[in-house]
Amino acid sequence: MLAIFDYKAGNQTSVHRALENLGIPNKITNDPEELNQAAGIIFPGVGAAGQAMEELHSHGLDEVIKHLIRDKKPVLGICVGCQILLDYSEENDTKALEVIPGECRLFNPSWTDYEGIPIRVPHMGWNQVNLHKECRLFKDIDPASDFYFVHSYYPAPGDQFVIGTTRYGIDFCSIHGREGLWAVQFHPEKSGRPGLKLLDNFYNYCLEVADAQ
C-alpha cells in the first residue's frame, strides 16, 4: 500500500484517484503507524508554503515525515510537498523541513521565453523535464513527454540534488532528491499517461524496497 500523506494541504484526492486508476492500493492518512507500515509515501500539496508548514507544525506532522525519511521510507513529494522538503521558501518567508539543502524562489516576471516575451507568473501549462541524472521514476517514459505545472515558486536545491530541469524563463529544477526520496514540481497525477507511469514506477520501486527488507 502507498500512503498519501494528509496534512490538509489539498491535492490528496487527485493523487488517490490516479492511484486507483492504476490499481495501486492506497490510503489518505496522517496516522504515524499507517505511514510507517506503508510501502511508500506520497507527500502532495497545493497552496502556500507557510500554510502547509503551519499545519505540519501544529499537529507534529513535520517530525513524523522527517523521521520516516531518516528511516529510508520511500517518499515522493509533489508541488508544495516538493518545495517544503527544502530549507526555506520565499513564499511567506517560510522555514521549511530542511530535509534537502536549498530554497524555493519566486519566478521573476521580467524573465523571457524563447521568443523574448516576458513569462507569466504563475507558470501554468505543459513542459518537458530534462534529466541530468538517471532516475527510476522515468523508466520507460519518453524523454519528450510533457508534464503539467502550476506554480509561482520553484525549487533551487544544492547542485548535487538536482535530477532534472525545465525551461521557463530560466532552467529551473523540476525534480530533485536522491534514490528513494524524490520531489517533483509538476503534478504527475494530472499529467496523463506519462504521469501515471511515473507514479507506477514509484510504486514498483517501493515494492522492491519492501521485498528486500
N, C-alpha and C. Protein backbone atom coordinates (compact mmCIF):
# COMPACT_ATOMS: atom_id res chain seq x y z
N MET A 1 0.82 -1.20 0.00
CA MET A 1 0.00 0.00 0.00
C MET A 1 0.87 1.26 0.00
N LEU A 2 0.42 2.28 -0.74
CA LEU A 2 1.04 3.60 -0.65
C LEU A 2 0.18 4.47 0.26
N ALA A 3 0.84 5.24 1.11
CA ALA A 3 0.15 6.21 1.96
C ALA A 3 0.24 7.59 1.31
N ILE A 4 -0.89 8.26 1.21
CA ILE A 4 -0.92 9.65 0.74
C ILE A 4 -0.96 10.51 2.00
N PHE A 5 0.09 11.25 2.24
CA PHE A 5 0.25 12.00 3.49
C PHE A 5 -0.77 13.12 3.57
N ASP A 6 -1.61 13.07 4.60
CA ASP A 6 -2.70 14.02 4.76
C ASP A 6 -2.32 15.09 5.78
N TYR A 7 -2.04 16.29 5.29
CA TYR A 7 -1.77 17.40 6.20
C TYR A 7 -2.58 18.63 5.79
N LYS A 8 -3.77 18.36 5.22
CA LYS A 8 -4.75 19.40 4.88
C LYS A 8 -4.20 20.42 3.90
N ALA A 9 -3.28 19.98 3.03
CA ALA A 9 -2.70 20.89 2.04
C ALA A 9 -3.31 20.69 0.66
N GLY A 10 -4.40 19.94 0.59
CA GLY A 10 -5.07 19.75 -0.69
C GLY A 10 -4.37 18.76 -1.60
N ASN A 11 -5.04 18.39 -2.68
CA ASN A 11 -4.49 17.56 -3.74
C ASN A 11 -4.45 16.07 -3.42
N GLN A 12 -4.79 15.69 -2.19
CA GLN A 12 -4.75 14.27 -1.84
C GLN A 12 -5.74 13.47 -2.68
N THR A 13 -6.93 14.03 -2.91
CA THR A 13 -7.96 13.31 -3.65
C THR A 13 -7.54 13.04 -5.09
N SER A 14 -6.88 14.01 -5.73
CA SER A 14 -6.42 13.82 -7.11
C SER A 14 -5.40 12.70 -7.19
N VAL A 15 -4.50 12.66 -6.22
CA VAL A 15 -3.49 11.60 -6.19
C VAL A 15 -4.16 10.25 -5.94
N HIS A 16 -5.11 10.23 -5.02
CA HIS A 16 -5.84 9.00 -4.72
C HIS A 16 -6.52 8.45 -5.98
N ARG A 17 -7.17 9.31 -6.73
CA ARG A 17 -7.86 8.87 -7.95
C ARG A 17 -6.88 8.33 -8.99
N ALA A 18 -5.72 8.97 -9.11
CA ALA A 18 -4.72 8.50 -10.07
C ALA A 18 -4.23 7.11 -9.68
N LEU A 19 -3.97 6.89 -8.39
CA LEU A 19 -3.51 5.58 -7.93
C LEU A 19 -4.60 4.52 -8.10
N GLU A 20 -5.85 4.91 -7.84
CA GLU A 20 -6.96 3.99 -8.05
C GLU A 20 -7.04 3.57 -9.51
N ASN A 21 -6.82 4.53 -10.40
CA ASN A 21 -6.85 4.24 -11.83
C ASN A 21 -5.79 3.22 -12.22
N LEU A 22 -4.67 3.24 -11.50
CA LEU A 22 -3.57 2.31 -11.75
C LEU A 22 -3.75 0.97 -11.03
N GLY A 23 -4.76 0.90 -10.18
CA GLY A 23 -4.95 -0.31 -9.39
C GLY A 23 -3.98 -0.44 -8.24
N ILE A 24 -3.42 0.67 -7.80
CA ILE A 24 -2.45 0.66 -6.71
C ILE A 24 -3.17 0.89 -5.38
N PRO A 25 -3.07 -0.04 -4.44
CA PRO A 25 -3.72 0.17 -3.14
C PRO A 25 -3.13 1.38 -2.43
N ASN A 26 -4.00 2.20 -1.86
CA ASN A 26 -3.52 3.43 -1.23
C ASN A 26 -4.50 3.91 -0.18
N LYS A 27 -4.02 4.78 0.68
CA LYS A 27 -4.88 5.36 1.71
C LYS A 27 -4.40 6.76 2.04
N ILE A 28 -5.35 7.69 2.18
CA ILE A 28 -5.03 9.05 2.63
C ILE A 28 -5.01 9.01 4.16
N THR A 29 -3.87 9.36 4.74
CA THR A 29 -3.72 9.21 6.18
C THR A 29 -2.63 10.12 6.73
N ASN A 30 -2.75 10.44 8.02
CA ASN A 30 -1.64 11.08 8.73
C ASN A 30 -1.34 10.31 10.02
N ASP A 31 -1.86 9.08 10.10
CA ASP A 31 -1.60 8.24 11.26
C ASP A 31 -0.18 7.69 11.19
N PRO A 32 0.66 7.97 12.18
CA PRO A 32 2.06 7.56 12.12
C PRO A 32 2.24 6.06 11.90
N GLU A 33 1.40 5.24 12.51
CA GLU A 33 1.54 3.80 12.35
C GLU A 33 1.21 3.36 10.93
N GLU A 34 0.17 3.93 10.34
CA GLU A 34 -0.19 3.59 8.97
C GLU A 34 0.88 4.08 8.00
N LEU A 35 1.43 5.25 8.26
CA LEU A 35 2.50 5.76 7.41
C LEU A 35 3.73 4.87 7.49
N ASN A 36 4.03 4.39 8.69
CA ASN A 36 5.20 3.54 8.88
C ASN A 36 5.02 2.18 8.21
N GLN A 37 3.79 1.66 8.19
CA GLN A 37 3.53 0.35 7.60
C GLN A 37 3.42 0.40 6.08
N ALA A 38 3.20 1.57 5.52
CA ALA A 38 3.05 1.69 4.07
C ALA A 38 4.36 1.37 3.36
N ALA A 39 4.25 0.87 2.12
CA ALA A 39 5.45 0.59 1.33
C ALA A 39 6.16 1.87 0.93
N GLY A 40 5.41 2.94 0.78
CA GLY A 40 5.97 4.24 0.42
C GLY A 40 4.96 5.33 0.69
N ILE A 41 5.43 6.57 0.64
CA ILE A 41 4.58 7.72 0.98
C ILE A 41 4.62 8.73 -0.15
N ILE A 42 3.45 9.21 -0.53
CA ILE A 42 3.36 10.34 -1.45
C ILE A 42 3.01 11.56 -0.62
N PHE A 43 3.81 12.61 -0.79
CA PHE A 43 3.73 13.84 0.02
C PHE A 43 3.29 14.98 -0.91
N PRO A 44 1.98 15.10 -1.16
CA PRO A 44 1.49 16.09 -2.12
C PRO A 44 1.24 17.43 -1.45
N GLY A 45 0.66 18.35 -2.20
CA GLY A 45 0.30 19.63 -1.63
C GLY A 45 0.09 20.70 -2.68
N VAL A 46 -0.89 21.54 -2.44
CA VAL A 46 -1.11 22.74 -3.24
C VAL A 46 -1.32 23.90 -2.28
N GLY A 47 -1.21 25.14 -2.78
CA GLY A 47 -1.40 26.29 -1.91
C GLY A 47 -0.08 26.91 -1.51
N ALA A 48 -0.04 27.47 -0.31
CA ALA A 48 1.10 28.27 0.14
C ALA A 48 1.99 27.49 1.09
N ALA A 49 3.28 27.75 0.99
CA ALA A 49 4.26 27.06 1.83
C ALA A 49 4.04 27.35 3.31
N GLY A 50 3.77 28.61 3.64
CA GLY A 50 3.58 28.98 5.04
C GLY A 50 2.42 28.25 5.68
N GLN A 51 1.31 28.18 4.97
CA GLN A 51 0.13 27.48 5.48
C GLN A 51 0.41 25.99 5.65
N ALA A 52 1.12 25.41 4.68
CA ALA A 52 1.44 23.98 4.76
C ALA A 52 2.32 23.69 5.97
N MET A 53 3.34 24.51 6.19
CA MET A 53 4.23 24.28 7.33
C MET A 53 3.51 24.51 8.66
N GLU A 54 2.62 25.48 8.70
CA GLU A 54 1.86 25.73 9.93
C GLU A 54 1.01 24.50 10.29
N GLU A 55 0.40 23.90 9.27
CA GLU A 55 -0.41 22.70 9.52
C GLU A 55 0.46 21.55 10.01
N LEU A 56 1.61 21.37 9.38
CA LEU A 56 2.52 20.31 9.81
C LEU A 56 2.99 20.53 11.26
N HIS A 57 3.41 21.75 11.57
CA HIS A 57 3.90 22.06 12.92
C HIS A 57 2.81 21.86 13.97
N SER A 58 1.62 22.33 13.68
CA SER A 58 0.56 22.34 14.69
C SER A 58 0.12 20.94 15.10
N HIS A 59 0.37 19.96 14.25
CA HIS A 59 -0.02 18.59 14.57
C HIS A 59 1.19 17.66 14.75
N GLY A 60 2.38 18.23 14.78
CA GLY A 60 3.57 17.42 14.96
C GLY A 60 3.90 16.55 13.76
N LEU A 61 3.29 16.85 12.62
CA LEU A 61 3.49 16.01 11.44
C LEU A 61 4.81 16.28 10.75
N ASP A 62 5.42 17.44 11.03
CA ASP A 62 6.74 17.72 10.46
C ASP A 62 7.76 16.71 10.96
N GLU A 63 7.70 16.39 12.25
CA GLU A 63 8.64 15.41 12.80
C GLU A 63 8.32 14.00 12.33
N VAL A 64 7.04 13.73 12.09
CA VAL A 64 6.64 12.41 11.58
C VAL A 64 7.26 12.16 10.22
N ILE A 65 7.12 13.11 9.29
CA ILE A 65 7.63 12.90 7.93
C ILE A 65 9.16 12.88 7.93
N LYS A 66 9.79 13.71 8.76
CA LYS A 66 11.26 13.71 8.81
C LYS A 66 11.79 12.40 9.39
N HIS A 67 11.10 11.85 10.37
CA HIS A 67 11.51 10.57 10.94
C HIS A 67 11.42 9.46 9.90
N LEU A 68 10.35 9.45 9.12
CA LEU A 68 10.18 8.43 8.09
C LEU A 68 11.27 8.54 7.02
N ILE A 69 11.62 9.76 6.66
CA ILE A 69 12.68 9.96 5.66
C ILE A 69 14.02 9.50 6.22
N ARG A 70 14.29 9.79 7.48
CA ARG A 70 15.54 9.33 8.10
C ARG A 70 15.62 7.81 8.12
N ASP A 71 14.46 7.16 8.24
CA ASP A 71 14.40 5.70 8.26
C ASP A 71 14.38 5.10 6.85
N LYS A 72 14.61 5.93 5.83
CA LYS A 72 14.72 5.49 4.43
C LYS A 72 13.40 4.97 3.86
N LYS A 73 12.27 5.45 4.40
CA LYS A 73 10.98 5.13 3.79
C LYS A 73 10.91 5.84 2.44
N PRO A 74 10.57 5.14 1.34
CA PRO A 74 10.46 5.83 0.05
C PRO A 74 9.41 6.93 0.09
N VAL A 75 9.78 8.10 -0.39
CA VAL A 75 8.90 9.27 -0.36
C VAL A 75 8.94 9.97 -1.72
N LEU A 76 7.77 10.38 -2.18
CA LEU A 76 7.64 11.19 -3.40
C LEU A 76 6.91 12.47 -3.05
N GLY A 77 7.61 13.61 -3.09
CA GLY A 77 7.00 14.91 -2.86
C GLY A 77 6.47 15.49 -4.16
N ILE A 78 5.32 16.14 -4.10
CA ILE A 78 4.68 16.72 -5.29
C ILE A 78 4.32 18.18 -5.00
N CYS A 79 4.72 19.09 -5.87
CA CYS A 79 4.39 20.52 -5.83
C CYS A 79 4.80 21.13 -4.48
N VAL A 80 3.87 21.57 -3.65
CA VAL A 80 4.26 22.14 -2.35
C VAL A 80 5.00 21.10 -1.52
N GLY A 81 4.61 19.84 -1.66
CA GLY A 81 5.33 18.77 -0.98
C GLY A 81 6.76 18.62 -1.46
N CYS A 82 7.02 19.08 -2.67
CA CYS A 82 8.38 19.14 -3.22
C CYS A 82 9.13 20.33 -2.63
N GLN A 83 8.47 21.47 -2.57
CA GLN A 83 9.11 22.72 -2.15
C GLN A 83 9.52 22.72 -0.69
N ILE A 84 8.63 22.23 0.18
CA ILE A 84 8.91 22.36 1.61
C ILE A 84 9.83 21.27 2.16
N LEU A 85 10.31 20.38 1.29
CA LEU A 85 11.39 19.49 1.71
C LEU A 85 12.71 20.25 1.81
N LEU A 86 12.78 21.44 1.21
CA LEU A 86 13.98 22.26 1.23
C LEU A 86 14.11 22.99 2.57
N ASP A 87 15.16 23.82 2.68
CA ASP A 87 15.39 24.54 3.94
C ASP A 87 14.45 25.71 4.14
N TYR A 88 14.11 26.38 3.03
CA TYR A 88 13.43 27.68 3.15
C TYR A 88 12.65 27.97 1.88
N SER A 89 11.53 28.69 2.04
CA SER A 89 10.77 29.17 0.88
C SER A 89 10.55 30.67 1.00
N GLU A 90 10.78 31.37 -0.12
CA GLU A 90 10.49 32.80 -0.14
C GLU A 90 9.00 33.08 0.04
N GLU A 91 8.17 32.09 -0.28
CA GLU A 91 6.73 32.26 -0.10
C GLU A 91 6.41 32.30 1.40
N ASN A 92 5.85 33.40 1.84
CA ASN A 92 5.51 33.61 3.26
C ASN A 92 6.74 33.61 4.17
N ASP A 93 7.96 33.77 3.59
CA ASP A 93 9.19 33.79 4.38
C ASP A 93 9.22 32.59 5.33
N THR A 94 9.17 31.41 4.75
CA THR A 94 8.89 30.18 5.48
C THR A 94 10.12 29.32 5.71
N LYS A 95 10.38 29.00 6.97
CA LYS A 95 11.35 27.96 7.28
C LYS A 95 10.69 26.63 6.99
N ALA A 96 11.31 25.83 6.16
CA ALA A 96 10.70 24.58 5.71
C ALA A 96 11.27 23.38 6.48
N LEU A 97 11.18 22.19 5.90
CA LEU A 97 11.50 20.97 6.63
C LEU A 97 13.00 20.71 6.76
N GLU A 98 13.82 21.33 5.92
CA GLU A 98 15.28 21.19 5.99
C GLU A 98 15.74 19.74 5.80
N VAL A 99 15.08 19.06 4.90
CA VAL A 99 15.46 17.69 4.56
C VAL A 99 16.51 17.68 3.45
N ILE A 100 16.33 18.56 2.45
CA ILE A 100 17.25 18.69 1.34
C ILE A 100 17.76 20.13 1.30
N PRO A 101 19.07 20.35 1.25
CA PRO A 101 19.60 21.72 1.24
C PRO A 101 19.11 22.51 0.04
N GLY A 102 18.69 23.75 0.29
CA GLY A 102 18.25 24.61 -0.79
C GLY A 102 17.06 25.45 -0.39
N GLU A 103 16.56 26.22 -1.34
CA GLU A 103 15.43 27.09 -1.06
C GLU A 103 14.48 27.15 -2.25
N CYS A 104 13.30 27.70 -2.00
CA CYS A 104 12.29 27.85 -3.04
C CYS A 104 12.16 29.34 -3.36
N ARG A 105 12.21 29.68 -4.65
CA ARG A 105 12.28 31.08 -5.07
C ARG A 105 11.12 31.44 -5.99
N LEU A 106 10.79 32.73 -6.00
CA LEU A 106 9.71 33.25 -6.84
C LEU A 106 10.20 33.49 -8.26
N PHE A 107 9.40 33.05 -9.25
CA PHE A 107 9.71 33.38 -10.63
C PHE A 107 9.74 34.89 -10.81
N ASN A 108 10.66 35.37 -11.63
CA ASN A 108 10.77 36.80 -11.93
C ASN A 108 10.01 37.08 -13.23
N PRO A 109 8.93 37.88 -13.19
CA PRO A 109 8.14 38.11 -14.40
C PRO A 109 8.88 38.88 -15.48
N SER A 110 10.07 39.39 -15.18
CA SER A 110 10.86 40.07 -16.22
C SER A 110 11.65 39.07 -17.07
N TRP A 111 11.73 37.81 -16.61
CA TRP A 111 12.37 36.79 -17.43
C TRP A 111 11.55 36.55 -18.68
N THR A 112 12.20 36.09 -19.74
CA THR A 112 11.50 35.93 -21.02
C THR A 112 11.58 34.50 -21.52
N ASP A 113 10.64 34.17 -22.42
CA ASP A 113 10.63 32.85 -23.03
C ASP A 113 11.56 32.83 -24.24
N TYR A 114 11.49 31.75 -25.02
CA TYR A 114 12.38 31.59 -26.16
C TYR A 114 12.17 32.68 -27.21
N GLU A 115 10.98 33.30 -27.23
CA GLU A 115 10.68 34.33 -28.22
C GLU A 115 10.89 35.74 -27.66
N GLY A 116 11.45 35.82 -26.45
CA GLY A 116 11.71 37.12 -25.86
C GLY A 116 10.50 37.76 -25.20
N ILE A 117 9.44 37.00 -25.01
CA ILE A 117 8.23 37.51 -24.38
C ILE A 117 8.29 37.25 -22.88
N PRO A 118 7.99 38.26 -22.04
CA PRO A 118 8.04 38.05 -20.59
C PRO A 118 7.13 36.89 -20.16
N ILE A 119 7.64 36.09 -19.24
CA ILE A 119 6.86 34.95 -18.77
C ILE A 119 5.71 35.41 -17.89
N ARG A 120 4.71 34.58 -17.79
CA ARG A 120 3.60 34.84 -16.88
C ARG A 120 3.83 34.08 -15.58
N VAL A 121 3.46 34.72 -14.49
CA VAL A 121 3.55 34.09 -13.17
C VAL A 121 2.13 34.08 -12.59
N PRO A 122 1.59 32.93 -12.24
CA PRO A 122 2.26 31.64 -12.11
C PRO A 122 2.55 30.96 -13.45
N HIS A 123 3.46 30.01 -13.39
CA HIS A 123 3.75 29.13 -14.51
C HIS A 123 2.64 28.07 -14.55
N MET A 124 1.87 28.06 -15.62
CA MET A 124 0.79 27.09 -15.77
C MET A 124 0.86 26.50 -17.16
N GLY A 125 0.94 25.17 -17.23
CA GLY A 125 0.94 24.54 -18.53
C GLY A 125 1.81 23.31 -18.59
N TRP A 126 2.05 22.85 -19.81
CA TRP A 126 2.75 21.60 -20.06
C TRP A 126 4.18 21.86 -20.52
N ASN A 127 5.12 21.20 -19.87
CA ASN A 127 6.54 21.37 -20.20
C ASN A 127 7.28 20.06 -20.04
N GLN A 128 8.41 19.97 -20.73
CA GLN A 128 9.25 18.78 -20.63
C GLN A 128 10.18 18.87 -19.42
N VAL A 129 10.63 17.71 -18.99
CA VAL A 129 11.63 17.60 -17.93
C VAL A 129 12.89 17.04 -18.56
N ASN A 130 13.98 17.76 -18.43
CA ASN A 130 15.27 17.34 -18.99
C ASN A 130 16.11 16.73 -17.88
N LEU A 131 16.28 15.41 -17.95
CA LEU A 131 17.01 14.71 -16.90
C LEU A 131 18.51 14.98 -16.98
N HIS A 132 19.11 15.26 -15.82
CA HIS A 132 20.56 15.42 -15.71
C HIS A 132 21.20 14.16 -15.16
N LYS A 133 20.38 13.30 -14.55
CA LYS A 133 20.85 12.04 -13.99
C LYS A 133 19.81 10.96 -14.32
N GLU A 134 20.27 9.73 -14.31
CA GLU A 134 19.32 8.63 -14.46
C GLU A 134 18.39 8.60 -13.25
N CYS A 135 17.11 8.34 -13.49
CA CYS A 135 16.13 8.37 -12.41
C CYS A 135 15.11 7.26 -12.61
N ARG A 136 14.92 6.43 -11.58
CA ARG A 136 13.99 5.32 -11.66
C ARG A 136 12.56 5.76 -11.99
N LEU A 137 12.21 6.94 -11.55
CA LEU A 137 10.84 7.41 -11.79
C LEU A 137 10.52 7.53 -13.27
N PHE A 138 11.54 7.73 -14.10
CA PHE A 138 11.33 7.98 -15.53
C PHE A 138 11.58 6.74 -16.39
N LYS A 139 11.64 5.58 -15.76
CA LYS A 139 11.83 4.34 -16.51
C LYS A 139 10.69 4.15 -17.52
N ASP A 140 11.06 3.93 -18.79
CA ASP A 140 10.11 3.67 -19.88
C ASP A 140 9.19 4.86 -20.17
N ILE A 141 9.61 6.06 -19.80
CA ILE A 141 8.87 7.27 -20.15
C ILE A 141 9.62 7.98 -21.27
N ASP A 142 8.93 8.34 -22.33
CA ASP A 142 9.53 9.04 -23.46
C ASP A 142 10.15 10.36 -22.98
N PRO A 143 11.42 10.61 -23.26
CA PRO A 143 12.06 11.87 -22.83
C PRO A 143 11.35 13.11 -23.35
N ALA A 144 10.58 12.98 -24.42
CA ALA A 144 9.87 14.14 -24.98
C ALA A 144 8.51 14.37 -24.31
N SER A 145 8.17 13.57 -23.31
CA SER A 145 6.88 13.70 -22.65
C SER A 145 6.74 15.03 -21.93
N ASP A 146 5.54 15.56 -21.92
CA ASP A 146 5.23 16.79 -21.20
C ASP A 146 4.52 16.46 -19.89
N PHE A 147 4.76 17.31 -18.88
CA PHE A 147 4.11 17.17 -17.59
C PHE A 147 3.44 18.49 -17.23
N TYR A 148 2.42 18.41 -16.38
CA TYR A 148 1.61 19.59 -16.07
C TYR A 148 2.16 20.33 -14.85
N PHE A 149 2.37 21.63 -15.03
CA PHE A 149 2.89 22.50 -13.97
C PHE A 149 1.87 23.58 -13.63
N VAL A 150 1.80 23.94 -12.37
CA VAL A 150 1.08 25.15 -11.93
C VAL A 150 1.73 25.62 -10.62
N HIS A 151 2.54 26.70 -10.71
CA HIS A 151 3.28 27.17 -9.55
C HIS A 151 3.88 28.55 -9.83
N SER A 152 4.06 29.32 -8.74
CA SER A 152 4.71 30.62 -8.82
C SER A 152 6.13 30.60 -8.28
N TYR A 153 6.44 29.57 -7.51
CA TYR A 153 7.76 29.41 -6.89
C TYR A 153 8.40 28.12 -7.41
N TYR A 154 9.71 28.12 -7.47
CA TYR A 154 10.41 26.95 -8.00
C TYR A 154 11.52 26.52 -7.03
N PRO A 155 11.80 25.23 -6.95
CA PRO A 155 12.83 24.75 -6.04
C PRO A 155 14.23 25.03 -6.59
N ALA A 156 15.13 25.38 -5.69
CA ALA A 156 16.54 25.60 -6.04
C ALA A 156 17.40 24.87 -5.01
N PRO A 157 17.51 23.55 -5.14
CA PRO A 157 18.31 22.77 -4.19
C PRO A 157 19.79 22.86 -4.51
N GLY A 158 20.60 22.29 -3.63
CA GLY A 158 22.03 22.17 -3.92
C GLY A 158 22.23 21.39 -5.20
N ASP A 159 23.28 21.73 -5.94
CA ASP A 159 23.50 21.14 -7.27
C ASP A 159 23.50 19.61 -7.24
N GLN A 160 24.03 19.02 -6.19
CA GLN A 160 24.13 17.56 -6.14
C GLN A 160 22.78 16.88 -6.04
N PHE A 161 21.73 17.65 -5.72
CA PHE A 161 20.38 17.07 -5.59
C PHE A 161 19.51 17.33 -6.81
N VAL A 162 20.02 18.08 -7.77
CA VAL A 162 19.23 18.36 -8.99
C VAL A 162 19.23 17.12 -9.87
N ILE A 163 18.03 16.61 -10.17
CA ILE A 163 17.89 15.44 -11.03
C ILE A 163 17.43 15.84 -12.43
N GLY A 164 16.55 16.82 -12.52
CA GLY A 164 16.05 17.28 -13.81
C GLY A 164 15.64 18.73 -13.77
N THR A 165 15.64 19.37 -14.93
CA THR A 165 15.28 20.78 -15.03
C THR A 165 14.22 20.99 -16.12
N THR A 166 13.57 22.13 -16.03
CA THR A 166 12.57 22.55 -17.01
C THR A 166 12.82 24.01 -17.35
N ARG A 167 12.57 24.39 -18.60
CA ARG A 167 12.80 25.76 -19.03
C ARG A 167 11.53 26.59 -18.91
N TYR A 168 11.59 27.65 -18.09
CA TYR A 168 10.52 28.64 -18.03
C TYR A 168 11.16 29.95 -17.57
N GLY A 169 11.60 30.75 -18.51
CA GLY A 169 12.35 31.96 -18.19
C GLY A 169 13.80 31.62 -17.90
N ILE A 170 14.00 30.63 -17.03
CA ILE A 170 15.32 30.07 -16.73
C ILE A 170 15.18 28.55 -16.73
N ASP A 171 16.31 27.87 -16.65
CA ASP A 171 16.28 26.42 -16.44
C ASP A 171 16.18 26.19 -14.93
N PHE A 172 14.98 25.87 -14.46
CA PHE A 172 14.79 25.67 -13.02
C PHE A 172 14.71 24.18 -12.71
N CYS A 173 15.01 23.83 -11.49
CA CYS A 173 14.96 22.44 -11.05
C CYS A 173 13.50 21.99 -10.94
N SER A 174 13.15 20.94 -11.66
CA SER A 174 11.77 20.44 -11.62
C SER A 174 11.67 19.06 -10.97
N ILE A 175 12.82 18.44 -10.68
CA ILE A 175 12.84 17.22 -9.87
C ILE A 175 14.17 17.18 -9.12
N HIS A 176 14.09 16.94 -7.82
CA HIS A 176 15.30 16.89 -7.01
C HIS A 176 15.21 15.75 -6.01
N GLY A 177 16.33 15.49 -5.35
CA GLY A 177 16.36 14.47 -4.32
C GLY A 177 17.48 13.47 -4.51
N ARG A 178 17.19 12.24 -4.12
CA ARG A 178 18.13 11.12 -4.22
C ARG A 178 17.30 9.86 -4.39
N GLU A 179 17.95 8.72 -4.60
CA GLU A 179 17.18 7.49 -4.76
C GLU A 179 16.35 7.22 -3.50
N GLY A 180 15.06 7.03 -3.71
CA GLY A 180 14.16 6.75 -2.60
C GLY A 180 13.53 7.99 -1.99
N LEU A 181 14.06 9.16 -2.28
CA LEU A 181 13.48 10.42 -1.85
C LEU A 181 13.47 11.36 -3.04
N TRP A 182 12.35 11.39 -3.73
CA TRP A 182 12.22 12.21 -4.93
C TRP A 182 11.18 13.30 -4.70
N ALA A 183 11.39 14.44 -5.34
CA ALA A 183 10.45 15.55 -5.23
C ALA A 183 10.27 16.19 -6.60
N VAL A 184 9.04 16.27 -7.07
CA VAL A 184 8.75 16.80 -8.40
C VAL A 184 7.89 18.06 -8.28
N GLN A 185 8.23 19.09 -9.05
CA GLN A 185 7.47 20.32 -9.03
C GLN A 185 6.17 20.20 -9.82
N PHE A 186 6.16 19.35 -10.83
CA PHE A 186 4.96 19.16 -11.64
C PHE A 186 3.98 18.21 -10.94
N HIS A 187 2.80 18.04 -11.56
CA HIS A 187 1.77 17.18 -11.00
C HIS A 187 1.64 15.90 -11.82
N PRO A 188 2.28 14.81 -11.41
CA PRO A 188 2.15 13.57 -12.19
C PRO A 188 0.71 13.08 -12.25
N GLU A 189 -0.06 13.32 -11.20
CA GLU A 189 -1.45 12.84 -11.16
C GLU A 189 -2.35 13.58 -12.15
N LYS A 190 -1.84 14.68 -12.72
CA LYS A 190 -2.60 15.46 -13.70
C LYS A 190 -1.90 15.49 -15.05
N SER A 191 -0.92 14.61 -15.24
CA SER A 191 -0.07 14.66 -16.43
C SER A 191 -0.32 13.51 -17.41
N GLY A 192 -1.51 12.95 -17.37
CA GLY A 192 -1.85 11.92 -18.34
C GLY A 192 -1.01 10.67 -18.20
N ARG A 193 -0.80 9.98 -19.32
CA ARG A 193 -0.11 8.69 -19.31
C ARG A 193 1.31 8.77 -18.75
N PRO A 194 2.14 9.77 -19.12
CA PRO A 194 3.49 9.83 -18.54
C PRO A 194 3.47 9.99 -17.02
N GLY A 195 2.53 10.81 -16.53
CA GLY A 195 2.44 10.99 -15.09
C GLY A 195 2.02 9.73 -14.36
N LEU A 196 1.06 9.00 -14.94
CA LEU A 196 0.63 7.74 -14.34
C LEU A 196 1.78 6.72 -14.34
N LYS A 197 2.56 6.72 -15.41
CA LYS A 197 3.70 5.81 -15.47
C LYS A 197 4.72 6.15 -14.38
N LEU A 198 4.93 7.43 -14.14
CA LEU A 198 5.85 7.85 -13.09
C LEU A 198 5.37 7.34 -11.72
N LEU A 199 4.06 7.49 -11.45
CA LEU A 199 3.51 7.00 -10.19
C LEU A 199 3.65 5.49 -10.08
N ASP A 200 3.43 4.79 -11.18
CA ASP A 200 3.58 3.34 -11.21
C ASP A 200 5.04 2.94 -10.95
N ASN A 201 5.96 3.68 -11.54
CA ASN A 201 7.39 3.41 -11.30
C ASN A 201 7.74 3.60 -9.82
N PHE A 202 7.18 4.63 -9.20
CA PHE A 202 7.44 4.85 -7.78
C PHE A 202 6.91 3.68 -6.96
N TYR A 203 5.71 3.22 -7.27
CA TYR A 203 5.13 2.10 -6.53
C TYR A 203 5.98 0.84 -6.68
N ASN A 204 6.42 0.57 -7.89
CA ASN A 204 7.25 -0.62 -8.12
C ASN A 204 8.56 -0.53 -7.36
N TYR A 205 9.14 0.67 -7.30
CA TYR A 205 10.36 0.86 -6.50
C TYR A 205 10.07 0.55 -5.03
N CYS A 206 8.94 1.04 -4.52
CA CYS A 206 8.58 0.81 -3.12
C CYS A 206 8.43 -0.68 -2.82
N LEU A 207 7.82 -1.41 -3.75
CA LEU A 207 7.67 -2.86 -3.56
C LEU A 207 9.03 -3.56 -3.53
N GLU A 208 9.95 -3.13 -4.38
CA GLU A 208 11.28 -3.71 -4.40
C GLU A 208 12.00 -3.48 -3.06
N VAL A 209 11.87 -2.28 -2.54
CA VAL A 209 12.50 -1.96 -1.25
C VAL A 209 11.88 -2.81 -0.14
N ALA A 210 10.54 -2.93 -0.15
CA ALA A 210 9.87 -3.72 0.86
C ALA A 210 10.26 -5.19 0.80
N ASP A 211 10.39 -5.72 -0.41
CA ASP A 211 10.77 -7.12 -0.59
C ASP A 211 12.19 -7.39 -0.13
N ALA A 212 13.05 -6.37 -0.23
CA ALA A 212 14.46 -6.53 0.14
C ALA A 212 14.68 -6.47 1.65
N GLN A 213 13.69 -6.01 2.37
CA GLN A 213 13.86 -5.84 3.82
C GLN A 213 13.56 -7.12 4.59
